[in-house]
Protein backbone atom coordinates (compact mmCIF):
# COMPACT_ATOMS: atom_id res chain seq x y z
CA LEU A 1 -41.37 213.92 141.60
CA THR A 2 -41.20 212.91 138.10
CA GLU A 3 -43.28 210.00 137.81
CA LEU A 4 -45.94 212.12 139.39
CA MET A 5 -45.37 214.86 136.81
CA ALA A 6 -45.09 212.49 133.89
CA HIS A 7 -48.59 210.55 134.92
CA TRP A 8 -50.18 214.39 135.84
CA THR A 9 -49.23 216.41 132.86
CA THR A 10 -50.62 213.37 130.65
CA LYS A 11 -54.16 213.36 132.70
CA ALA A 12 -54.64 217.53 133.73
CA PRO A 13 -51.76 219.08 133.08
CA GLU A 14 -53.54 222.65 134.17
CA GLU A 15 -54.01 221.12 137.46
CA ALA A 16 -50.56 220.01 137.63
CA GLY A 17 -48.96 223.21 137.26
CA ALA A 18 -51.66 224.90 139.32
CA TRP A 19 -50.49 222.33 142.45
CA MET A 20 -46.68 223.10 141.25
CA LEU A 21 -47.26 227.14 141.65
CA ALA A 22 -48.89 226.64 144.79
CA GLN A 23 -45.83 225.06 146.19
CA PRO A 24 -43.95 227.63 148.86
CA ASN A 25 -40.74 228.98 147.24
CA GLY A 26 -37.85 226.73 147.17
CA GLU A 27 -35.57 223.58 146.06
CA PHE A 28 -38.84 221.61 145.72
CA ARG A 29 -41.04 223.91 143.64
CA ASP A 30 -38.04 224.80 141.33
CA GLU A 31 -37.93 220.92 140.88
CA ALA A 32 -41.45 220.27 140.21
CA ALA A 33 -41.62 223.90 137.83
CA ALA A 34 -38.79 221.57 135.72
CA TYR A 35 -40.00 218.53 135.83
CA PHE A 36 -43.46 219.57 134.93
CA SER A 37 -42.51 221.17 132.10
CA ARG A 38 -40.00 218.82 130.47
CA ALA A 39 -43.50 216.18 130.65
CA TRP A 40 -45.52 218.43 129.00
CA ALA A 41 -43.00 219.64 126.38
CA ARG A 42 -42.50 216.02 125.30
CA ARG A 43 -45.96 215.43 124.18
CA ASP A 44 -46.98 219.41 123.54
CA PRO A 45 -44.37 222.30 123.48
CA ALA A 46 -46.64 224.43 121.94
CA ALA A 47 -49.43 224.29 125.10
CA THR A 48 -46.74 224.51 127.93
CA ALA A 49 -45.30 227.27 126.30
CA ASN A 50 -48.80 228.80 126.46
CA TRP A 51 -48.66 228.08 129.98
CA ILE A 52 -45.72 229.12 131.03
CA ASP A 53 -46.73 232.49 128.70
CA ARG A 54 -50.06 232.68 131.13
CA ASN A 55 -48.01 232.92 134.31
CA ILE A 56 -45.07 234.61 132.80
CA GLU A 57 -44.37 236.36 135.93
CA ALA A 58 -44.47 233.89 138.40
CA ALA A 59 -40.69 232.72 139.50
CA ALA A 60 -41.93 229.16 138.91
CA ALA A 61 -42.88 229.51 135.46
CA GLY A 62 -39.13 230.30 135.09
CA GLN A 63 -37.21 227.44 136.40
CA ALA A 64 -39.92 225.56 134.22
CA ILE A 65 -38.76 227.35 130.78
CA GLY A 66 -35.15 225.31 130.93
CA GLY A 67 -37.43 222.13 130.89
CA LEU A 68 -39.62 223.80 127.71
CA VAL A 69 -37.00 224.79 125.82
CA GLY A 70 -34.94 221.57 125.99
CA ASN A 71 -36.74 219.43 124.87
CA TRP A 72 -38.41 221.83 122.15
CA VAL A 73 -35.35 222.59 120.64
CA LYS A 74 -34.99 218.90 119.52
CA GLN A 75 -38.47 218.84 117.81
CA ASP A 76 -38.53 222.12 116.84
CA ALA A 77 -35.68 223.94 117.13
CA GLN A 78 -37.18 227.14 114.63
CA ALA A 79 -40.72 227.14 116.59
CA ALA A 80 -38.44 226.96 119.82
CA GLN A 81 -37.12 230.27 118.69
CA ALA A 82 -39.81 231.77 117.77
CA TRP A 83 -41.21 231.44 121.01
CA VAL A 84 -38.20 232.78 122.48
CA ASP A 85 -37.89 235.68 120.64
CA SER A 86 -41.52 236.68 121.53
CA ILE A 87 -41.19 236.93 125.54
CA GLU A 88 -41.75 240.49 126.37
CA HIS A 89 -40.51 239.74 130.35
CA ALA A 90 -37.44 240.32 130.77
CA PRO A 91 -36.46 238.16 132.87
CA ALA A 92 -38.04 235.01 131.32
CA ALA A 93 -36.60 236.25 128.17
CA LYS A 94 -32.80 236.05 129.54
CA THR A 95 -33.81 232.31 130.67
CA ALA A 96 -35.19 230.96 127.63
CA ALA A 97 -32.55 232.84 125.74
CA ALA A 98 -29.53 231.09 127.68
CA ALA A 99 -31.51 227.46 128.01
CA LEU A 100 -32.02 227.74 124.11
CA ALA A 101 -28.51 228.58 123.29
CA TYR A 102 -27.07 225.93 125.72
CA SER A 103 -29.30 223.15 123.88
CA TRP A 104 -29.17 224.01 120.38
CA VAL A 105 -25.10 224.41 120.09
CA GLN A 106 -25.40 220.88 121.14
CA THR A 107 -27.69 219.94 117.72
CA ASP A 108 -26.86 222.11 115.17
CA PRO A 109 -24.39 224.93 116.27
CA GLN A 110 -24.04 227.16 113.25
CA SER A 111 -27.82 228.03 113.68
CA ALA A 112 -27.25 228.67 117.76
CA ALA A 113 -24.48 230.56 117.07
CA ALA A 114 -25.95 232.65 114.07
CA TRP A 115 -29.37 233.53 116.31
CA VAL A 116 -27.14 234.65 119.09
CA ALA A 117 -25.04 236.89 117.29
CA ALA A 118 -27.93 238.46 115.85
CA LEU A 119 -29.58 238.73 119.37
CA ASP A 120 -30.45 243.38 119.83
CA ASP A 121 -31.43 242.51 123.38
CA GLN A 122 -28.13 242.66 125.36
CA GLY A 123 -29.25 241.45 128.76
CA MET A 124 -30.24 238.07 126.29
CA LYS A 125 -27.31 237.85 124.44
CA THR A 126 -24.60 238.27 127.70
CA ALA A 127 -26.94 234.87 129.08
CA ALA A 128 -27.16 233.35 125.34
CA ALA A 129 -23.49 233.85 124.86
CA ILE A 130 -22.18 232.19 128.23
CA ASN A 131 -24.27 229.52 127.98
CA LEU A 132 -23.66 228.63 124.07
CA VAL A 133 -19.68 229.05 124.79
CA ASN A 134 -20.19 227.10 127.61
CA ALA A 135 -22.21 223.87 125.78
CA TRP A 136 -20.10 224.57 122.92
CA SER A 137 -16.74 224.38 124.23
CA SER A 138 -16.86 220.89 125.43
CA SER A 139 -16.74 219.42 121.86
CA GLU A 140 -15.60 222.25 119.78
CA PRO A 141 -13.48 224.70 121.68
CA SER A 142 -11.60 226.01 119.01
CA ARG A 143 -14.85 226.68 117.08
CA ALA A 144 -16.30 228.36 119.91
CA ALA A 145 -13.53 230.85 120.67
CA ALA A 146 -13.25 231.63 116.94
CA TRP A 147 -17.05 232.98 117.55
CA LEU A 148 -16.45 234.62 120.76
CA LYS A 149 -13.49 236.83 119.29
CA ALA A 150 -15.61 237.51 115.97
CA ASN A 151 -19.13 238.11 117.32
CA LEU A 152 -18.29 239.45 121.14
CA THR A 153 -17.22 243.14 120.94
CA ALA A 154 -18.82 244.04 124.57
CA PRO A 155 -16.27 243.87 127.03
CA GLN A 156 -18.82 242.38 129.69
CA GLN A 157 -20.38 239.68 127.11
CA ARG A 158 -17.09 238.81 126.18
CA ASP A 159 -15.25 238.21 129.01
CA ALA A 160 -18.27 236.70 130.66
CA ALA A 161 -18.04 234.03 128.06
CA ALA A 162 -14.13 233.89 128.06
CA VAL A 163 -14.44 232.46 131.51
CA PRO A 164 -16.70 228.75 130.11
CA LEU A 165 -14.11 228.71 127.21
CA ILE A 166 -10.95 228.75 128.43
CA MET A 167 -11.77 226.83 132.08
CA ALA A 168 -12.73 223.90 129.65
CA TRP A 169 -10.43 224.22 126.90
CA ALA A 170 -7.31 224.13 129.76
CA ASP A 171 -8.91 221.32 131.05
CA ALA A 172 -9.28 219.43 128.04
CA ASP A 173 -5.78 220.48 126.00
CA PRO A 174 -4.12 223.55 128.24
CA LEU A 175 -1.64 223.79 124.89
CA ALA A 176 -4.04 224.36 122.24
CA ALA A 177 -5.92 226.93 124.52
CA SER A 178 -2.39 228.11 125.59
CA LYS A 179 -1.77 229.17 121.85
CA TRP A 180 -5.27 230.92 121.22
CA VAL A 181 -4.53 233.20 124.02
CA ALA A 182 -0.97 233.73 123.06
CA GLY A 183 -2.06 234.32 119.44
CA LEU A 184 -4.85 237.10 120.77
CA PRO A 185 -3.85 240.54 119.60
CA GLY A 186 -3.08 242.63 122.58
CA GLY A 187 -6.09 243.99 124.89
CA GLU A 188 -8.90 243.45 126.88
CA LEU A 189 -9.63 240.03 125.86
CA GLN A 190 -5.87 238.65 126.00
CA GLU A 191 -5.56 240.03 129.24
CA THR A 192 -9.13 238.44 130.32
CA SER A 193 -8.46 235.61 129.14
CA LYS A 194 -4.14 235.86 130.34
CA ALA A 195 -6.03 235.51 134.20
CA ILE A 196 -8.30 233.24 133.23
CA PHE A 197 -5.92 230.84 131.77
CA ALA A 198 -3.43 231.45 134.73
CA GLU A 199 -6.16 230.89 137.32
CA SER A 200 -7.50 227.65 135.45
CA LEU A 201 -3.55 226.17 135.65
CA ALA A 202 -3.15 226.73 139.68
CA LEU A 203 -3.79 223.19 141.19
CA GLU A 204 -2.32 221.25 138.20
CA ALA A 205 0.74 223.40 136.93
CA PRO A 206 1.11 226.27 139.58
CA GLU A 207 4.72 227.02 138.30
CA ASP A 208 3.18 228.01 134.88
CA ALA A 209 0.38 229.49 135.97
CA ILE A 210 2.57 231.61 137.35
CA VAL A 211 4.10 232.41 134.38
CA TRP A 212 1.18 233.59 132.69
CA ALA A 213 -0.55 235.48 135.60
CA ARG A 214 3.08 237.73 135.38
CA SER A 215 2.39 238.39 131.86
CA ILE A 216 -0.69 239.98 132.39
CA GLU A 217 0.59 244.12 131.53
CA ASP A 218 -2.25 245.67 133.86
CA GLN A 219 -0.47 245.76 137.93
CA GLU A 220 -3.62 245.59 139.67
CA SER A 221 -4.92 242.43 137.85
CA ARG A 222 -1.37 240.97 137.66
CA ILE A 223 -1.03 241.06 141.38
CA ASP A 224 -4.85 239.83 141.84
CA SER A 225 -3.86 236.97 139.20
CA ILE A 226 -1.08 235.64 141.13
CA LEU A 227 -2.40 236.14 145.06
CA ASN A 228 -5.11 234.21 143.83
CA ILE A 229 -2.83 231.02 142.15
CA TYR A 230 -1.01 231.49 145.45
CA GLU A 231 -3.43 230.92 147.51
CA GLU A 232 -4.57 227.53 145.83
CA TRP A 233 -0.78 226.42 145.95
CA LEU A 234 -0.47 227.20 149.87
CA GLU A 235 -3.38 225.24 150.18
CA ALA A 236 -2.64 222.35 148.34
CA ASP A 237 1.28 222.44 148.58
CA SER A 238 2.63 224.79 151.30
CA THR A 239 5.87 223.43 151.10
CA ALA A 240 6.13 224.06 147.19
CA LEU A 241 5.17 227.29 147.73
CA LEU A 242 7.29 228.28 150.12
CA SER A 243 10.53 226.88 148.09
CA HIS A 244 9.01 228.98 145.34
CA LEU A 245 8.80 232.35 146.93
CA ARG A 246 11.86 231.56 148.38
CA GLY A 247 13.69 231.08 144.53
CA ASN A 248 11.80 233.86 143.41
CA ILE A 249 12.87 236.75 145.32
CA ALA A 250 13.71 238.73 142.32
CA ALA A 251 10.36 238.25 140.25
CA ASN A 252 8.39 239.87 143.37
CA ALA A 253 10.25 242.50 143.29
CA ASP A 254 6.92 245.17 143.69
CA PRO A 255 6.36 246.77 147.03
CA GLU A 256 2.33 245.95 146.70
CA LEU A 257 3.02 242.31 145.43
CA ARG A 258 5.30 241.89 148.45
CA GLU A 259 2.65 243.20 151.31
CA GLU A 260 -0.02 241.09 149.51
CA ILE A 261 2.31 237.92 150.12
CA TYR A 262 3.30 238.90 153.88
CA ASP A 263 -0.18 239.35 154.75
CA MET A 264 -1.23 235.96 152.73
CA LEU A 265 1.70 234.58 155.22
CA TYR A 266 1.21 236.49 158.30
CA ASP A 267 -1.09 233.33 159.75
CA TYR A 268 -0.19 230.60 158.04
CA ASP A 269 3.80 230.40 158.44
CA PRO A 270 4.76 233.41 160.28
CA GLU A 271 8.26 232.40 160.74
CA PHE A 272 8.72 232.27 157.12
CA ARG A 273 6.91 235.40 156.06
CA ASP A 274 9.65 236.83 158.44
CA GLN A 275 12.51 235.21 156.68
CA LEU A 276 11.12 236.29 153.19
CA LEU A 277 11.20 239.69 154.50
CA LYS A 278 15.01 239.94 155.75
CA LEU A 279 15.67 238.08 152.40
CA TYR A 280 13.62 240.90 150.75
CA GLU A 281 15.34 243.29 151.67
CA GLU A 282 18.57 241.71 151.00
CA SER A 283 18.24 241.51 147.83
CA GLU A 284 18.00 245.62 147.79
CA GLN A 285 20.78 246.30 149.35
């Protein structure tokens, strides 16, 4: 399919595009759209953009956007940006903004970050911010974190972008990630970051993950985070989890949390659940 599109777009790109659009919905057509736009954009990104503009409402055109933008930003980032800014079809604009942010931050992070920060359309900004932070986190997580904190004030945008940042940072440098989370001023960003960071540690360091989860102030979020970690721990090493639960009776004093733990253990180990219930009852006497 790659070779077909590379050859066809050289000879008759409009014909190749018409054939691609005529394919039934599904993975094959989506892949054909991506290969089509990549191949054509390498030679003539402006013509590729013109074709997408003329077919903007077709689902396959949305799939073609990523291939175009990814190649165009390497050749002429300003032209790619101008085209993305000109798109009026909202779904396509969001797709294009996300693709531009992801590709541009890898070659010119300052320009990409400034462009995303200045976006007025909040749908485009959310999509672009998530991809910007996602790509930037792999090379410069501290700079991505500083940008997120300074430029994303809307909770939905900020929290969505924080997920890829903290997941990537916790995997690459958990100590640096933990310092950033701990150093945030109290509030929604820190609460969200604690939950994401705690759950990112669940498989590699579940004891540390639980410590972080317990520091979440909101009761519902704290319980949800603790249970998510416990469930992963149960699947990975049930013996270690049961030992942890037995040794942390007082830490799990919250009645709602205890009930959720019973439910989690109901089918997995009903005998241990009953033992734990007795221990909890004894601790309350």
